[in-house]
Protein backbone atom coordinates (compact mmCIF):
# COMPACT_ATOMS: atom_id res chain seq x y z
CA MET A 1 -21.14 -53.46 -162.14
CA ASN A 2 -23.06 -56.72 -161.94
CA ILE A 3 -21.90 -59.76 -163.88
CA ARG A 4 -23.81 -63.03 -163.80
CA LYS A 5 -22.69 -66.04 -165.75
CA LEU A 6 -23.98 -69.58 -166.00
CA ILE A 7 -21.16 -72.12 -165.71
CA MET A 8 -21.78 -75.65 -166.95
CA MET A 9 -19.14 -78.36 -166.57
CA VAL A 10 -19.58 -81.43 -168.74
CA GLY A 11 -17.64 -84.46 -167.58
CA ILE A 12 -17.38 -88.18 -168.32
CA ALA A 13 -17.31 -90.92 -165.71
CA LEU A 14 -14.23 -92.94 -166.69
CA MET A 15 -14.15 -94.99 -163.53
CA SER A 16 -16.38 -95.76 -160.55
CA LEU A 17 -15.59 -94.29 -157.16
CA SER A 18 -16.37 -96.42 -154.15
CA ALA A 19 -16.96 -93.30 -152.05
CA MET A 20 -19.70 -92.08 -154.34
CA ALA A 21 -23.19 -92.08 -152.91
CA GLN A 22 -24.87 -91.93 -156.34
CA SER A 23 -24.05 -92.35 -160.02
CA GLU A 24 -21.79 -89.60 -161.24
CA LYS A 25 -23.48 -86.51 -162.66
CA GLN A 26 -22.57 -85.17 -166.08
CA ASN A 27 -23.02 -81.47 -165.33
CA LEU A 28 -21.83 -79.17 -162.59
CA SER A 29 -24.16 -76.18 -162.71
CA ALA A 30 -23.31 -72.90 -161.01
CA MET A 31 -24.13 -69.22 -161.36
CA PHE A 32 -21.33 -66.70 -160.81
CA GLY A 33 -21.62 -62.97 -160.20
CA TYR A 34 -19.77 -60.09 -158.63
CA SER A 35 -20.49 -56.61 -157.29
CA THR A 36 -18.18 -53.77 -156.27
CA PHE A 37 -18.54 -51.55 -153.20
CA TYR A 38 -16.55 -48.78 -151.52
CA LEU A 39 -15.51 -47.95 -147.97
CA ALA A 40 -15.66 -44.22 -148.68
CA ASP A 41 -14.39 -43.11 -145.27
CA GLN A 42 -11.27 -45.27 -145.77
CA ASP A 43 -10.95 -44.83 -149.55
CA LYS A 44 -10.94 -48.62 -150.01
CA PRO A 45 -12.88 -50.28 -152.85
CA TYR A 46 -13.75 -53.93 -152.45
CA VAL A 47 -15.31 -56.74 -154.44
CA GLU A 48 -17.93 -59.31 -153.52
CA THR A 49 -18.09 -62.53 -155.54
CA TYR A 50 -21.08 -64.86 -155.47
CA LEU A 51 -21.32 -68.52 -156.43
CA SER A 52 -24.69 -70.23 -156.43
CA PHE A 53 -24.58 -74.01 -156.90
CA ASP A 54 -27.40 -76.29 -157.97
CA ALA A 55 -26.96 -79.19 -155.54
CA TRP A 56 -28.71 -81.54 -157.97
CA SER A 57 -25.73 -81.20 -160.35
CA LEU A 58 -23.14 -82.19 -157.71
CA ASN A 59 -22.02 -85.59 -156.50
CA PHE A 60 -22.61 -86.30 -152.81
CA ALA A 61 -20.25 -88.56 -150.86
CA LYS A 62 -21.10 -90.33 -147.63
CA GLU A 63 -19.67 -88.81 -144.47
CA GLY A 64 -20.65 -90.81 -141.45
CA ALA A 65 -24.40 -91.28 -141.63
CA LYS A 66 -24.96 -88.24 -143.84
CA TYR A 67 -23.95 -86.96 -147.29
CA LYS A 68 -22.02 -83.95 -148.47
CA ALA A 69 -20.85 -82.42 -151.78
CA THR A 70 -17.55 -80.56 -152.04
CA VAL A 71 -16.37 -78.17 -154.75
CA GLU A 72 -12.77 -77.00 -155.01
CA VAL A 73 -12.84 -73.30 -155.89
CA THR A 74 -9.86 -71.37 -157.23
CA LEU A 75 -10.22 -67.61 -157.66
CA ILE A 76 -7.43 -65.63 -159.35
CA VAL A 77 -7.48 -61.89 -160.14
CA LYS A 78 -4.83 -60.49 -162.45
CA SER A 79 -3.77 -57.00 -163.44
CA GLY A 80 -1.96 -57.58 -166.70
CA ASP A 81 0.35 -60.52 -165.99
CA SER A 82 0.53 -59.86 -162.24
CA ILE A 83 -1.64 -61.76 -159.75
CA VAL A 84 -3.18 -59.29 -157.29
CA TYR A 85 -5.50 -61.72 -155.50
CA TRP A 86 -5.54 -65.50 -155.19
CA LYS A 87 -7.58 -67.91 -153.11
CA LYS A 88 -8.10 -71.67 -153.29
CA TYR A 89 -10.56 -73.34 -150.96
CA ASP A 90 -12.99 -76.24 -150.57
CA LEU A 91 -16.65 -75.26 -150.51
CA ASN A 92 -18.92 -77.76 -148.77
CA SER A 93 -22.62 -78.09 -149.40
CA PRO A 94 -25.13 -78.33 -146.54
CA VAL A 95 -25.15 -81.86 -145.13
CA ILE A 96 -28.17 -83.99 -146.10
CA ASN A 97 -29.59 -87.26 -144.82
CA ASN A 98 -30.25 -88.81 -148.23
CA PRO A 99 -28.42 -88.17 -151.54
CA GLU A 100 -31.80 -87.83 -153.24
CA GLU A 101 -32.65 -84.80 -151.08
CA ASN A 102 -30.62 -82.55 -153.38
CA ASP A 103 -33.26 -80.22 -154.80
CA PHE A 104 -31.77 -76.99 -153.44
CA PHE A 105 -29.23 -74.24 -154.12
CA PHE A 106 -26.47 -73.03 -151.83
CA LEU A 107 -24.45 -69.82 -151.98
CA ASP A 108 -20.84 -68.84 -151.38
CA LEU A 109 -19.79 -65.22 -150.82
CA GLN A 110 -16.23 -63.87 -150.83
CA ARG A 111 -15.01 -60.31 -150.12
CA PHE A 112 -11.60 -58.84 -150.92
CA GLY A 113 -10.14 -55.39 -151.48
CA LEU A 114 -8.87 -54.14 -154.85
CA LYS A 115 -7.51 -50.83 -156.04
CA ASN A 116 -9.17 -48.99 -158.90
CA GLY A 117 -8.46 -50.65 -162.22
CA ILE A 118 -9.49 -53.20 -164.82
CA TYR A 119 -8.74 -56.81 -163.94
CA ASN A 120 -9.05 -60.29 -165.40
CA LEU A 121 -10.83 -62.66 -163.06
CA GLU A 122 -10.33 -66.41 -163.47
CA LEU A 123 -12.60 -68.87 -161.70
CA THR A 124 -11.97 -72.63 -161.65
CA LEU A 125 -14.42 -75.17 -160.19
CA LYS A 126 -13.84 -78.88 -159.55
CA ASP A 127 -16.36 -81.33 -158.14
CA LYS A 128 -14.13 -83.24 -155.72
CA ASN A 129 -16.42 -86.28 -155.78
CA SER A 130 -16.23 -86.56 -159.57
CA THR A 131 -13.67 -87.72 -162.12
CA ALA A 132 -14.75 -84.91 -164.45
CA GLU A 133 -12.17 -82.26 -165.25
CA ALA A 134 -12.32 -78.81 -163.68
CA VAL A 135 -14.02 -75.99 -165.56
CA THR A 136 -12.62 -72.47 -165.84
CA ALA A 137 -14.46 -69.23 -166.61
CA HIS A 138 -13.05 -65.75 -167.21
CA GLU A 139 -14.53 -62.29 -166.63
CA LYS A 140 -13.42 -58.69 -166.83
CA LEU A 141 -13.65 -56.96 -163.46
CA TYR A 142 -13.98 -53.17 -163.26
CA VAL A 143 -13.32 -51.16 -160.08
CA GLN A 144 -13.58 -47.36 -160.17
CA TYR A 145 -14.23 -45.12 -157.17
CA ASP A 146 -12.91 -41.65 -156.26
CA LYS A 147 -12.87 -40.16 -152.77
CA LYS A 148 -13.49 -36.69 -154.27
CA LYS A 149 -16.40 -37.65 -156.51
CA PRO A 150 -19.89 -39.05 -155.86
CA ALA A 151 -20.41 -42.64 -156.98
CA MET A 152 -22.77 -45.60 -156.74
CA SER A 153 -21.98 -49.19 -155.91
CA SER A 154 -23.24 -52.08 -157.97
CA VAL A 155 -26.97 -52.65 -157.72
CA GLN A 156 -27.37 -56.13 -156.27
CA ILE A 157 -30.64 -58.04 -156.46
CA MET A 158 -31.31 -59.96 -153.24
CA SER A 159 -33.24 -63.16 -152.77
CA SER A 160 -34.25 -62.04 -149.26
CA ILE A 161 -33.89 -59.13 -146.84
CA LYS A 162 -34.58 -59.45 -143.11
CA LYS A 163 -33.36 -57.85 -139.89
CA THR A 164 -30.14 -59.28 -138.49
CA SER A 165 -30.45 -61.31 -135.31
CA THR A 166 -26.87 -62.65 -135.32
CA GLU A 167 -24.08 -61.13 -137.41
CA ASN A 168 -23.08 -63.30 -140.38
CA MET A 169 -21.47 -62.94 -143.81
CA PHE A 170 -24.77 -61.69 -145.29
CA SER A 171 -25.23 -58.95 -142.66
CA ARG A 172 -25.14 -55.34 -143.84
CA ASN A 173 -26.43 -52.21 -142.08
CA GLY A 174 -28.54 -54.18 -139.61
CA TYR A 175 -30.08 -56.51 -142.22
CA ASP A 176 -29.32 -59.94 -143.60
CA MET A 177 -29.35 -59.67 -147.37
CA GLN A 178 -28.69 -62.78 -149.42
CA PRO A 179 -27.56 -62.01 -153.00
CA TYR A 180 -29.52 -63.47 -155.87
CA VAL A 181 -27.07 -64.58 -158.55
CA SER A 182 -29.25 -65.38 -161.56
CA ASP A 183 -30.59 -63.13 -164.33
CA LEU A 184 -33.80 -65.17 -164.25
CA VAL A 185 -36.47 -64.04 -161.79
CA PRO A 186 -39.03 -66.89 -161.70
CA GLU A 187 -42.71 -66.76 -160.90
CA GLN A 188 -42.07 -67.87 -157.30
CA PHE A 189 -40.63 -64.39 -156.64
CA ASP A 190 -43.48 -61.99 -155.87
CA LYS A 191 -40.98 -59.41 -154.59
CA LEU A 192 -37.86 -57.98 -156.21
CA HIS A 193 -35.44 -56.93 -153.46
CA PHE A 194 -32.33 -54.91 -154.30
CA TYR A 195 -29.59 -53.02 -152.53
CA TYR A 196 -27.02 -50.37 -153.46
CA GLU A 197 -24.92 -47.67 -151.81
CA ILE A 198 -24.28 -44.00 -152.61
CA TYR A 199 -20.89 -42.49 -151.82
CA ASN A 200 -19.66 -38.92 -151.29
CA ILE A 201 -22.89 -37.30 -152.48
CA SER A 202 -21.96 -34.07 -150.67
CA GLU A 203 -19.08 -33.57 -153.11
CA GLU A 204 -21.73 -32.86 -155.76
CA ILE A 205 -24.60 -31.14 -153.93
CA GLY A 206 -23.13 -29.98 -150.62
CA PHE A 207 -25.54 -30.30 -147.71
CA GLN A 208 -28.72 -30.20 -149.79
CA PRO A 209 -31.34 -32.94 -149.70
CA PHE A 210 -31.47 -35.39 -152.60
CA MET A 211 -33.70 -38.14 -153.96
CA THR A 212 -33.29 -41.70 -155.15
CA TYR A 213 -35.59 -42.98 -157.85
CA ALA A 214 -36.00 -46.64 -158.82
CA PHE A 215 -38.18 -48.21 -161.48
CA ILE A 216 -38.47 -51.14 -163.91
CA GLU A 217 -38.43 -50.58 -167.67
CA ASP A 218 -38.97 -52.82 -170.67
CA LYS A 219 -35.50 -53.58 -172.00
CA GLU A 220 -36.48 -53.36 -175.67
CA THR A 221 -38.75 -50.32 -175.66
CA GLY A 222 -37.60 -48.41 -172.56
CA ARG A 223 -41.25 -48.16 -171.51
CA ARG A 224 -41.62 -47.99 -167.73
CA ALA A 225 -43.81 -50.30 -165.70
CA GLY A 226 -45.73 -47.36 -164.27
CA GLU A 227 -46.91 -48.97 -161.05
CA ILE A 228 -43.48 -50.40 -160.20
CA GLN A 229 -41.44 -47.41 -159.13
CA LYS A 230 -40.39 -45.66 -155.96
CA LEU A 231 -39.15 -42.19 -155.07
CA THR A 232 -37.28 -41.73 -151.77
CA LYS A 233 -36.27 -38.38 -150.30
CA HIS A 234 -33.02 -38.17 -148.33
CA GLN A 235 -31.90 -35.48 -145.94
CA TYR A 236 -28.13 -35.03 -145.86
CA LYS A 237 -26.48 -35.93 -142.56
CA ALA A 238 -23.06 -34.55 -141.66
CA GLY A 239 -20.25 -37.05 -142.04
CA ASN A 240 -22.45 -39.48 -143.93
CA THR A 241 -20.07 -40.63 -146.68
CA ILE A 242 -22.10 -43.79 -147.38
CA VAL A 243 -25.86 -43.82 -147.93
CA PRO A 244 -27.26 -47.39 -148.07
CA GLU A 245 -30.48 -47.95 -149.98
CA PHE A 246 -32.54 -51.11 -150.13
CA THR A 247 -35.94 -51.35 -151.78
CA SER A 248 -38.51 -54.02 -152.63
CA PHE A 249 -40.91 -54.02 -155.58
CA ASP A 250 -44.07 -56.09 -155.89
CA ILE A 251 -43.60 -57.89 -159.23
CA SER A 252 -46.37 -60.46 -158.85
CA ARG A 253 -48.16 -58.96 -161.86
CA LEU A 254 -45.09 -58.22 -163.97
CA PRO A 255 -45.48 -60.30 -167.18
CA SER A 256 -42.76 -62.51 -168.58
CA GLY A 257 -40.15 -60.57 -170.53
CA ASN A 258 -36.78 -58.81 -170.54
CA TYR A 259 -36.48 -55.82 -168.19
CA ASN A 260 -34.04 -53.34 -166.71
CA LEU A 261 -34.03 -52.43 -163.03
CA VAL A 262 -32.99 -48.75 -163.03
CA VAL A 263 -31.86 -46.69 -160.03
CA GLU A 264 -31.12 -42.98 -160.22
CA VAL A 265 -29.88 -40.26 -157.86
CA HIS A 266 -31.51 -36.81 -158.33
CA ASN A 267 -30.78 -33.44 -156.78
CA ARG A 268 -33.61 -31.33 -155.37
CA GLN A 269 -34.10 -29.75 -158.81
CA ASN A 270 -34.90 -33.29 -159.98
CA GLU A 271 -31.82 -33.44 -162.20
CA CYS A 272 -30.36 -36.93 -162.58
CA LEU A 273 -26.82 -36.98 -161.18
CA MET A 274 -26.01 -40.67 -161.76
CA TYR A 275 -27.74 -43.96 -162.46
CA LYS A 276 -27.21 -47.71 -162.79
CA LYS A 277 -29.09 -50.46 -164.65
CA VAL A 278 -29.36 -54.20 -164.04
CA SER A 279 -31.04 -56.40 -166.66
CA PHE A 280 -33.11 -59.47 -165.80
CA TYR A 281 -35.61 -61.84 -167.35
CA ARG A 282 -38.95 -62.20 -165.61
CA SER A 283 -40.70 -65.57 -165.95
CA ASN A 284 -44.33 -65.21 -164.91
CA PRO A 285 -46.58 -67.59 -166.89
CA LYS A 286 -49.60 -66.96 -164.68
CA MET A 287 -49.79 -63.47 -166.22
CA GLU A 288 -49.92 -64.81 -169.76
CA SER A 289 -53.40 -64.50 -171.19
CA GLU A 290 -55.42 -67.49 -172.31
CA VAL A 291 -55.48 -66.01 -175.81
CA ALA A 292 -51.69 -65.96 -175.95
CA ILE A 293 -51.50 -69.55 -174.74
CA SER A 294 -53.98 -70.68 -177.38
CA GLU A 295 -51.93 -68.90 -180.03
CA TYR A 296 -48.81 -70.82 -179.03
CA ALA A 297 -50.79 -74.05 -178.95
CA ALA A 298 -51.41 -73.71 -182.69
CA THR A 299 -47.70 -73.37 -183.51
CA PHE A 300 -44.98 -75.98 -183.99
CA ALA A 301 -44.10 -75.46 -180.30
CA GLY A 302 -47.65 -76.21 -179.18
CA GLN A 303 -47.67 -79.41 -181.22
CA ILE A 304 -45.01 -80.90 -178.94
CA LYS A 305 -47.27 -82.62 -176.41
CA ASP A 306 -44.74 -84.78 -174.54
CA GLU A 307 -43.14 -82.67 -171.79
CA ASN A 308 -40.08 -84.94 -171.55
CA GLN A 309 -39.54 -84.52 -175.28
CA LEU A 310 -39.92 -80.75 -174.95
CA ASN A 311 -37.42 -80.72 -172.07
CA TYR A 312 -34.98 -82.54 -174.36
CA TYR A 313 -35.50 -79.99 -177.15
CA LEU A 314 -35.07 -77.10 -174.72
CA ASP A 315 -31.86 -78.53 -173.29
CA ALA A 316 -30.55 -79.06 -176.81
CA LEU A 317 -30.75 -75.29 -177.42
CA TYR A 318 -27.72 -74.69 -175.19
CA PRO A 319 -25.18 -74.59 -178.06
CA ILE A 320 -26.88 -71.57 -179.62
CA ALA A 321 -28.56 -69.94 -176.62
CA SER A 322 -27.46 -66.71 -174.97
CA GLU A 323 -26.36 -66.75 -171.32
CA LYS A 324 -29.73 -65.37 -170.27
CA GLU A 325 -31.60 -67.95 -172.35
CA LYS A 326 -29.49 -70.71 -170.81
CA ALA A 327 -30.53 -69.56 -167.35
CA VAL A 328 -34.20 -69.68 -168.38
CA ILE A 329 -33.78 -73.13 -169.91
CA ASN A 330 -32.03 -74.40 -166.81
CA HIS A 331 -35.03 -73.25 -164.77
CA LEU A 332 -37.73 -74.49 -167.11
CA VAL A 333 -36.52 -78.06 -167.56
CA LYS A 334 -36.79 -78.64 -163.81
CA ILE A 335 -40.41 -77.65 -163.36
CA PRO A 336 -43.76 -78.91 -164.73
CA ALA A 337 -44.81 -75.92 -166.85
CA MET A 338 -45.85 -77.12 -170.30
CA ASP A 339 -47.47 -73.87 -171.44
CA GLU A 340 -44.50 -71.74 -170.42
CA LYS A 341 -42.06 -74.12 -172.07
CA GLN A 342 -44.01 -74.03 -175.31
CA MET A 343 -44.14 -70.24 -175.21
CA PHE A 344 -40.42 -69.92 -174.55
CA PHE A 345 -39.60 -72.44 -177.28
CA TYR A 346 -41.69 -70.55 -179.81
CA LYS A 347 -40.25 -67.15 -178.83
CA PHE A 348 -36.72 -68.56 -178.99
CA TRP A 349 -37.10 -69.42 -182.66
CA LEU A 350 -39.15 -66.31 -183.43
CA GLU A 351 -36.16 -64.24 -182.23
CA ARG A 352 -34.00 -66.00 -184.82
CA ASP A 353 -36.40 -65.85 -187.75
CA LYS A 354 -39.36 -63.48 -187.53
CA LEU A 355 -40.89 -64.77 -190.78
CA ASN A 356 -40.32 -68.52 -190.62
CA PRO A 357 -39.53 -69.67 -187.05
CA ALA A 358 -40.86 -73.17 -187.80
CA ASP A 359 -38.44 -73.59 -190.72
CA LYS A 360 -35.58 -72.40 -188.53
CA TRP A 361 -36.48 -75.01 -185.91
CA ASP A 362 -36.79 -77.76 -188.54
CA GLU A 363 -33.30 -76.93 -189.81
CA TYR A 364 -31.87 -77.11 -186.30
CA LYS A 365 -33.80 -80.29 -185.52
CA THR A 366 -32.20 -81.97 -188.53
CA ARG A 367 -28.77 -81.04 -187.19
CA LEU A 368 -29.77 -82.25 -183.72
CA GLU A 369 -30.80 -85.66 -185.04
CA TYR A 370 -27.49 -85.91 -186.90
CA VAL A 371 -25.30 -85.09 -183.88
CA ASP A 372 -27.23 -87.44 -181.60
CA GLN A 373 -26.77 -90.24 -184.10
CA ASN A 374 -23.10 -89.58 -184.78
CA PHE A 375 -21.57 -87.92 -181.70
CA SER A 376 -23.33 -89.37 -178.65
CA PHE A 377 -21.00 -90.99 -176.13
CA ALA A 378 -21.84 -93.09 -173.08
CA LYS A 379 -24.60 -91.16 -171.25
CA MET A 380 -23.94 -87.94 -173.16
CA LYS A 381 -26.31 -86.90 -175.91
CA GLY A 382 -24.68 -85.74 -179.11
CA TYR A 383 -25.48 -82.08 -178.45
CA GLN A 384 -23.66 -82.29 -175.10
CA THR A 385 -20.36 -83.24 -176.74
CA ASP A 386 -17.86 -80.76 -178.17
CA ARG A 387 -18.33 -81.95 -181.74
CA GLY A 388 -22.09 -81.82 -181.34
CA ARG A 389 -21.96 -78.30 -179.94
CA VAL A 390 -19.77 -77.04 -182.80
CA TYR A 391 -21.92 -78.78 -185.42
CA LEU A 392 -25.12 -77.28 -183.99
CA GLN A 393 -23.59 -73.83 -183.61
CA TYR A 394 -21.90 -73.55 -187.01
CA GLY A 395 -23.44 -76.27 -189.17
CA ALA A 396 -21.67 -79.01 -191.10
CA PRO A 397 -17.95 -78.36 -191.71
CA ASN A 398 -16.71 -77.89 -195.27
CA PHE A 399 -13.93 -80.42 -194.73
CA VAL A 400 -13.20 -83.18 -192.19
CA ARG A 401 -9.94 -85.04 -191.72
CA ASP A 402 -10.30 -88.09 -189.47
CA GLU A 403 -7.09 -89.71 -188.24
CA LYS A 404 -7.07 -92.70 -185.89
CA ASN A 405 -3.32 -93.53 -185.89
CA PHE A 406 -1.49 -90.72 -187.63
CA VAL A 407 2.31 -91.03 -187.65
CA SER A 408 4.61 -88.26 -188.81
CA VAL A 409 7.86 -89.40 -190.42
CA ARG A 410 9.63 -86.07 -190.09
CA HIS A 411 13.32 -86.80 -189.53
CA LEU A 412 15.20 -86.17 -186.32
CA GLY A 413 17.16 -82.95 -186.21
CA SER A 414 14.72 -80.74 -188.07
CA GLY A 415 11.44 -79.08 -187.34
CA VAL A 416 9.27 -76.16 -188.31
CA ASN A 417 8.87 -73.05 -186.19
CA SER A 418 5.70 -71.00 -185.71
CA GLN A 419 6.49 -69.06 -188.91
CA ASN A 420 6.59 -72.36 -190.86
CA ASN A 421 10.34 -72.03 -191.43
CA VAL A 422 12.53 -75.13 -191.25
CA VAL A 423 14.69 -75.16 -188.13
CA GLU A 424 17.82 -77.20 -188.76
CA GLY A 425 19.29 -79.01 -185.81
CA SER A 426 16.19 -78.71 -183.61
CA TYR A 427 15.72 -81.82 -181.53
CA VAL A 428 12.37 -83.58 -181.90
CA GLN A 429 11.68 -86.29 -179.32
CA SER A 430 10.49 -89.47 -181.03
CA ASP A 431 11.57 -93.04 -181.59
CA SER A 432 14.83 -93.92 -183.27
CA GLN A 433 13.24 -93.75 -186.73
CA GLY A 434 12.16 -90.13 -186.24
CA HIS A 435 8.45 -91.01 -186.07
CA ILE A 436 5.98 -88.87 -184.12
CA TYR A 437 2.82 -90.63 -183.00
CA TYR A 438 -0.41 -88.66 -182.62
CA LYS A 439 -3.49 -89.62 -180.66
CA PRO A 440 -6.74 -89.95 -182.67
CA TYR A 441 -7.96 -86.57 -183.90
CA GLN A 442 -10.34 -84.88 -186.29
CA LEU A 443 -9.69 -81.62 -188.13
CA TRP A 444 -12.79 -79.68 -189.12
CA ARG A 445 -12.55 -76.72 -191.48
CA TYR A 446 -15.18 -74.05 -192.05
CA ASP A 447 -14.61 -71.88 -195.10
CA LEU A 448 -16.67 -69.02 -193.68
CA LEU A 449 -18.14 -68.46 -190.22
CA PRO A 450 -20.40 -65.54 -189.21
CA ASN A 451 -18.43 -62.50 -188.03
CA ASP A 452 -15.09 -64.22 -188.55
CA ASN A 453 -12.28 -64.55 -191.05
CA PRO A 454 -12.26 -67.27 -193.75
CA THR A 455 -10.79 -70.72 -193.12
CA ARG A 456 -11.44 -71.38 -189.45
CA CYS A 457 -10.38 -74.78 -188.11
CA PHE A 458 -11.19 -76.99 -185.12
CA ILE A 459 -9.04 -79.83 -183.75
CA PHE A 460 -10.85 -82.49 -181.71
CA TRP A 461 -8.90 -85.27 -180.00
CA ASP A 462 -9.72 -88.61 -178.45
CA GLU A 463 -7.31 -88.32 -175.52
CA PHE A 464 -8.11 -91.69 -173.95
CA ARG A 465 -8.97 -93.57 -177.17
CA VAL A 466 -12.50 -94.27 -175.96
CA GLY A 467 -14.43 -92.53 -178.76
CA ASN A 468 -15.02 -89.22 -176.96
CA TYR A 469 -13.57 -86.39 -179.02
CA GLN A 470 -13.03 -83.12 -177.16
CA LEU A 471 -12.16 -79.72 -178.59
CA LEU A 472 -8.41 -79.18 -178.28
CA ASN A 473 -7.80 -76.02 -180.31
CA SER A 474 -9.42 -73.64 -182.78
CA ASN A 475 -8.60 -70.39 -184.52
CA ALA A 476 -12.27 -69.36 -184.62
CA ARG A 477 -13.30 -66.29 -182.69
CA GLY A 478 -14.36 -67.04 -179.10
CA GLU A 479 -13.27 -70.70 -179.19
CA VAL A 480 -10.65 -72.66 -177.24
CA GLN A 481 -7.11 -71.62 -178.16
CA ASP A 482 -4.17 -73.55 -176.74
CA PRO A 483 -0.70 -72.65 -178.11
CA LYS A 484 0.62 -76.03 -176.90
CA TRP A 485 -2.18 -78.09 -178.41
CA GLU A 486 0.04 -80.09 -180.81
CA ARG A 487 2.46 -81.10 -178.05
CA ARG A 488 -0.53 -82.45 -176.08
CA LEU A 489 -1.83 -84.27 -179.15
CA CYS A 490 1.48 -86.08 -179.69
CA GLY A 491 2.25 -86.72 -176.03
CA GLN A 492 4.91 -83.99 -175.73
CA GLN A 493 7.06 -85.54 -178.49
CA LEU A 494 7.51 -82.15 -180.17
CA ASN A 495 9.73 -79.51 -178.67
CA GLU A 496 8.42 -76.09 -177.65
CA ASP A 497 7.85 -73.66 -180.57
CA VAL A 498 8.06 -76.44 -183.14
CA VAL A 499 5.16 -76.92 -185.55
CA GLY A 500 4.74 -80.54 -186.52
CA GLU A 501 2.94 -82.13 -189.41
CA VAL A 502 -0.50 -81.89 -187.83
CA GLY A 503 0.20 -78.24 -187.02
CA GLU A 504 0.84 -77.69 -190.72
CA GLN A 505 -2.49 -79.40 -191.51
CA PHE A 506 -4.21 -77.03 -189.11
CA GLU A 507 -2.54 -73.97 -190.67
CA ARG A 508 -3.58 -74.86 -194.22
CA GLY A 509 -6.96 -76.33 -193.27
CA TYR A 510 -6.61 -79.87 -194.61
């Protein structure tokens, strides 16, 4: 199992830090992934986690004559409600001489054992040189190996493979292999390196020889890239419970597109015994034909001639982009590649409306102009704010309630529980008049969202009364859900399990 996820942390600089070596960044950008492996001779599965940080997105502090960024990482793995693994540590970037020399990535690798099972992995990142809040991401983690059955590890794409001179955390079977944590394989990569392991193959075929077969296929059609494949014959060796396999493909002429890297294990009758797939997006503009480029030039995407403007439009696609598209965008906005940006921009909208991609873009552009005009805050564009993201993703709400100084006059000694029943004698903390004071908030209601139930609501709050409204709670599918949101909104004046007046507004949608 390979999981790769782009993590973006959006923060606001509320105060200046004297230790800062540069103005505070708005985004912490990191890629997270994991792979599972198996010590077959010991019957011990283990997990590797990978974090790749874009140093440009971090804040560097001066340390002596040099500069360093530090991220606080908290990794928690749960089985049900039980914590089975926990680690909190500070991850330091490479030291640099100048805070402007930050155009690089650095990688963190962790290994820990886990029994077979399905787990919930929680990752929290905090830039220690920033006032921005920590960001937390969640993933399902699957571990399944059997000492009596053949199996394959995760297939891990590597950014480099070279012989080991000195043992280090990237050393494996005599080679240093550095994991590549993104789904995007850019044009700078002429080679695709990957590694995997085969376990207990003799349990299936005895002492017979077997073969491994690897190839690249088009993700949409399943058509194989005929020249990019490799067949390796293996002779069984007694006591060999782990068979490592690392291969490199020349992908210099692989065009841009979505692909699967496929690895298979065959017996000597050429029957497939097991296989794994890893998807990736190949960005290779040099393989795009001049005809294709001229076709894009005639579209609405090709009419955007200012590369800075196009970078802005690309970045503004984040609220509606897939994780893979976000990774491509994150790569494109950092490089001078006008043709490739135009092609990606056009394809992005073509995916969403095959007949009228230009109309689809015009509709989104209208929303974008609205959120930038109404929701921008400090150095954040409107689309980077929570309200802007929701507006771009779902459109204009059907109803908005905007409260700057809402006060509930519910009397002391009564409240409403989560079933909206009056609870006599419940103590509600407030002033002597029984008033409950709420921080500024907005309630947005959508009567119908795609793939969701009717009447979905969003509560945004201005926690510090500075005009920056952040998403506090929603009942929409896949959105932030905090059972204690109303207590936070009123500064803990409500008791636990008591629904206040704003909670009632949220329940009814107005």
